[in-house]
Amino acid sequence: MAEPDEKNLELLSVEEAAAYLKFSTAFLYKLCKENKIPHVNYGRHIIFRKTDLYNWLGSMVTYSEEKLEA
């Protein structure tokens, strides 16, 4: 098995993830409660892998019809 890339293991707190995504912490907690964003509950803490957040954002991209027809 390959060694995990240190960049892929970067963990973020709720505050750090909110800053990275430019969301409020309240909105981020709401997304976690509704299981709409990848996260890990570790005891009373919520943590995020930065690569999971990046991939999650990428999966949310939508294009206008003009862009699709081009």
C-alpha atoms as a PDB file:
ATOM      1  CA  MET A   1       0.000   0.000   0.000  1.00  0.00           C
ATOM      2  CA  ALA A   2       1.320   3.448  -0.924  1.00  0.00           C
ATOM      3  CA  GLU A   3       2.288   5.949   1.726  1.00  0.00           C
ATOM      4  CA  PRO A   4      -0.431   8.561   2.221  1.00  0.00           C
ATOM      5  CA  ASP A   5       0.539  11.946   0.825  1.00  0.00           C
ATOM      6  CA  GLU A   6       0.976  14.412   3.685  1.00  0.00           C
ATOM      7  CA  LYS A   7      -0.984  17.016   1.700  1.00  0.00           C
ATOM      8  CA  ASN A   8      -3.972  14.647   1.521  1.00  0.00           C
ATOM      9  CA  LEU A   9      -3.879  14.185   5.288  1.00  0.00           C
ATOM     10  CA  GLU A  10      -4.220  17.876   6.138  1.00  0.00           C
ATOM     11  CA  LEU A  11      -6.959  18.067   8.754  1.00  0.00           C
ATOM     12  CA  LEU A  12      -9.024  21.168   9.417  1.00  0.00           C
ATOM     13  CA  SER A  13     -11.102  22.262  12.377  1.00  0.00           C
ATOM     14  CA  VAL A  14     -14.571  23.708  11.876  1.00  0.00           C
ATOM     15  CA  GLU A  15     -13.140  27.220  12.016  1.00  0.00           C
ATOM     16  CA  GLU A  16     -10.374  26.410   9.524  1.00  0.00           C
ATOM     17  CA  ALA A  17     -12.779  24.623   7.170  1.00  0.00           C
ATOM     18  CA  ALA A  18     -15.231  27.532   7.331  1.00  0.00           C
ATOM     19  CA  ALA A  19     -12.446  29.954   6.428  1.00  0.00           C
ATOM     20  CA  TYR A  20     -11.274  27.685   3.579  1.00  0.00           C
ATOM     21  CA  LEU A  21     -14.816  27.420   2.159  1.00  0.00           C
ATOM     22  CA  LYS A  22     -15.702  31.041   2.989  1.00  0.00           C
ATOM     23  CA  PHE A  23     -18.750  29.826   4.972  1.00  0.00           C
ATOM     24  CA  SER A  24     -19.862  30.835   8.428  1.00  0.00           C
ATOM     25  CA  THR A  25     -19.203  28.265  11.133  1.00  0.00           C
ATOM     26  CA  ALA A  26     -22.955  28.110  11.825  1.00  0.00           C
ATOM     27  CA  PHE A  27     -23.643  27.142   8.206  1.00  0.00           C
ATOM     28  CA  LEU A  28     -20.877  24.541   8.304  1.00  0.00           C
ATOM     29  CA  TYR A  29     -22.320  23.001  11.487  1.00  0.00           C
ATOM     30  CA  LYS A  30     -25.720  22.884   9.744  1.00  0.00           C
ATOM     31  CA  LEU A  31     -24.235  21.063   6.734  1.00  0.00           C
ATOM     32  CA  CYS A  32     -22.581  18.561   9.080  1.00  0.00           C
ATOM     33  CA  LYS A  33     -25.775  17.960  11.038  1.00  0.00           C
ATOM     34  CA  GLU A  34     -27.614  17.268   7.764  1.00  0.00           C
ATOM     35  CA  ASN A  35     -24.724  15.058   6.497  1.00  0.00           C
ATOM     36  CA  LYS A  36     -24.378  17.214   3.394  1.00  0.00           C
ATOM     37  CA  ILE A  37     -20.613  17.673   3.660  1.00  0.00           C
ATOM     38  CA  PRO A  38     -17.861  15.101   4.266  1.00  0.00           C
ATOM     39  CA  HIS A  39     -16.656  15.270   7.858  1.00  0.00           C
ATOM     40  CA  VAL A  40     -15.558  13.123  10.779  1.00  0.00           C
ATOM     41  CA  ASN A  41     -17.079  13.262  14.237  1.00  0.00           C
ATOM     42  CA  TYR A  42     -14.314  12.527  16.706  1.00  0.00           C
ATOM     43  CA  GLY A  43     -15.772  12.664  20.177  1.00  0.00           C
ATOM     44  CA  ARG A  44     -17.083  16.192  20.563  1.00  0.00           C
ATOM     45  CA  HIS A  45     -14.949  17.446  17.696  1.00  0.00           C
ATOM     46  CA  ILE A  46     -15.702  17.706  13.992  1.00  0.00           C
ATOM     47  CA  ILE A  47     -12.751  17.489  11.631  1.00  0.00           C
ATOM     48  CA  PHE A  48     -12.396  17.715   7.874  1.00  0.00           C
ATOM     49  CA  ARG A  49      -9.819  16.520   5.365  1.00  0.00           C
ATOM     50  CA  LYS A  50      -8.946  19.395   3.063  1.00  0.00           C
ATOM     51  CA  THR A  51      -8.957  17.125  -0.010  1.00  0.00           C
ATOM     52  CA  ASP A  52     -12.493  15.928   0.835  1.00  0.00           C
ATOM     53  CA  LEU A  53     -13.696  19.528   0.946  1.00  0.00           C
ATOM     54  CA  TYR A  54     -11.971  20.313  -2.353  1.00  0.00           C
ATOM     55  CA  ASN A  55     -13.575  17.274  -4.034  1.00  0.00           C
ATOM     56  CA  TRP A  56     -16.958  18.072  -2.491  1.00  0.00           C
ATOM     57  CA  LEU A  57     -16.813  21.590  -3.938  1.00  0.00           C
ATOM     58  CA  GLY A  58     -15.875  20.176  -7.341  1.00  0.00           C
ATOM     59  CA  SER A  59     -18.908  17.893  -7.289  1.00  0.00           C
ATOM     60  CA  MET A  60     -21.173  20.921  -6.748  1.00  0.00           C
ATOM     61  CA  VAL A  61     -20.136  22.760  -9.937  1.00  0.00           C
ATOM     62  CA  THR A  62     -22.962  23.516 -12.356  1.00  0.00           C
ATOM     63  CA  TYR A  63     -22.807  25.124 -15.773  1.00  0.00           C
ATOM     64  CA  SER A  64     -25.300  27.321 -17.558  1.00  0.00           C
ATOM     65  CA  GLU A  65     -26.969  25.967 -20.706  1.00  0.00           C
ATOM     66  CA  GLU A  66     -24.953  28.416 -22.833  1.00  0.00           C
ATOM     67  CA  LYS A  67     -21.737  26.842 -21.574  1.00  0.00           C
ATOM     68  CA  LEU A  68     -23.044  23.310 -22.242  1.00  0.00           C
ATOM     69  CA  GLU A  69     -24.063  24.120 -25.842  1.00  0.00           C
ATOM     70  CA  ALA A  70     -20.649  25.547 -26.750  1.00  0.00           C
END
